[in-house]
Amino acid sequence: MKNVTITVEDSVLDWARIEAARRGSSVSRMLGDFMAELMQREDAYERAYLAWRTDERTWQAAVQPAQSQVRSASSKRAAVPAGAEAEVAK
C-alpha cells in the first residue's frame, strides 16, 4: 500500500471525518474504498463497451426487426381503401 497526500478545503475534511466516523471507518480507508469502487465501475463499463463494439451481430440484429416492422406497417396502410382512412380519423 502507498500513502497519498491530498489537499482539500477545511469544510470538506470536516465532512469527511464525520462521514468516516459514521461509517465506522477512517478518512483514509473511506477514500481508498471510494477510489477502488470507482476503478471497478470504470473497468466494468470499459469491458462492456468493448464487448458491444466488437460484437456487430448484436447491433445488426437490433436494426433488422425494426426495418421489417416498418415494411409490414407501410404495406398494411397501402391495403386500406382511401375512404376508410377518413372514417377512421373521425
Protein backbone atom coordinates (compact mmCIF):
# COMPACT_ATOMS: atom_id res chain seq x y z
CA MET A 1 0.00 0.00 0.00
CA LYS A 2 1.11 3.53 -0.77
CA ASN A 3 0.37 6.77 1.03
CA VAL A 4 -1.12 9.75 -0.80
CA THR A 5 -1.25 13.37 0.28
CA ILE A 6 -4.28 15.36 -0.84
CA THR A 7 -5.35 18.96 -0.45
CA VAL A 8 -8.98 19.71 0.38
CA GLU A 9 -10.97 22.57 1.81
CA ASP A 10 -11.36 22.56 5.60
CA SER A 11 -15.13 22.13 5.30
CA VAL A 12 -14.66 19.08 3.04
CA LEU A 13 -12.25 17.50 5.50
CA ASP A 14 -14.65 18.17 8.37
CA TRP A 15 -17.43 16.45 6.45
CA ALA A 16 -15.14 13.52 5.53
CA ARG A 17 -14.15 12.98 9.16
CA ILE A 18 -17.79 12.95 10.28
CA GLU A 19 -18.84 10.66 7.42
CA ALA A 20 -15.96 8.25 8.07
CA ALA A 21 -16.84 8.11 11.78
CA ARG A 22 -20.49 7.49 10.92
CA ARG A 23 -19.39 4.56 8.74
CA GLY A 24 -17.00 3.25 11.39
CA SER A 25 -14.00 3.90 9.17
CA SER A 26 -11.16 6.33 8.72
CA VAL A 27 -10.95 9.08 6.12
CA SER A 28 -8.04 7.25 4.54
CA ARG A 29 -9.95 3.95 4.30
CA MET A 30 -13.10 5.68 3.05
CA LEU A 31 -11.20 7.45 0.25
CA GLY A 32 -9.35 4.25 -0.65
CA ASP A 33 -12.63 2.31 -0.85
CA PHE A 34 -14.21 5.07 -2.93
CA MET A 35 -11.35 5.09 -5.43
CA ALA A 36 -11.34 1.26 -5.66
CA GLU A 37 -15.10 1.26 -6.33
CA LEU A 38 -14.72 3.95 -8.97
CA MET A 39 -11.92 1.98 -10.64
CA GLN A 40 -14.09 -1.18 -10.72
CA ARG A 41 -17.04 0.71 -12.22
CA GLU A 42 -14.87 2.27 -14.90
CA ASP A 43 -13.28 -1.10 -15.72
CA ALA A 44 -16.69 -2.78 -15.94
CA TYR A 45 -18.01 -0.02 -18.21
CA GLU A 46 -14.95 -0.23 -20.45
CA ARG A 47 -15.27 -4.03 -20.74
CA ALA A 48 -18.98 -3.78 -21.58
CA TYR A 49 -18.34 -1.05 -24.15
CA LEU A 50 -15.58 -3.03 -25.84
CA ALA A 51 -17.73 -6.16 -25.89
CA TRP A 52 -20.53 -4.18 -27.53
CA ARG A 53 -18.18 -2.62 -30.09
CA THR A 54 -16.68 -5.97 -31.10
CA ASP A 55 -20.00 -7.85 -31.40
CA GLU A 56 -21.56 -6.45 -34.56
CA ARG A 57 -24.18 -9.21 -34.65
CA THR A 58 -25.98 -7.73 -31.67
CA TRP A 59 -26.09 -4.30 -33.31
CA GLN A 60 -27.30 -5.65 -36.66
CA ALA A 61 -29.91 -7.91 -35.09
CA ALA A 62 -31.47 -4.93 -33.33
CA VAL A 63 -31.78 -2.98 -36.60
CA GLN A 64 -33.23 -5.69 -38.85
CA PRO A 65 -36.52 -6.36 -36.97
CA ALA A 66 -37.26 -2.65 -36.86
CA GLN A 67 -36.87 -2.38 -40.64
CA SER A 68 -39.14 -5.37 -41.27
CA GLN A 69 -41.78 -3.89 -38.96
CA VAL A 70 -41.69 -0.61 -40.92
CA ARG A 71 -42.15 -2.50 -44.18
CA SER A 72 -45.11 -4.52 -42.85
CA ALA A 73 -46.76 -1.41 -41.39
CA SER A 74 -46.43 0.50 -44.66
CA SER A 75 -47.85 -2.43 -46.65
CA LYS A 76 -50.84 -2.60 -44.27
CA ARG A 77 -51.51 1.12 -44.81
CA ALA A 78 -51.41 0.64 -48.57
CA ALA A 79 -54.08 -2.10 -48.31
CA VAL A 80 -56.61 0.23 -46.59
CA PRO A 81 -59.01 1.91 -49.08
CA ALA A 82 -58.71 5.71 -49.29
CA GLY A 83 -62.24 6.34 -47.97
CA ALA A 84 -61.69 4.08 -44.95
CA GLU A 85 -58.84 6.26 -43.67
CA ALA A 86 -61.17 9.25 -43.45
CA GLU A 87 -63.72 7.24 -41.48
CA VAL A 88 -61.05 6.04 -39.02
CA ALA A 89 -59.83 9.61 -38.50
CA LYS A 90 -63.31 10.74 -37.32
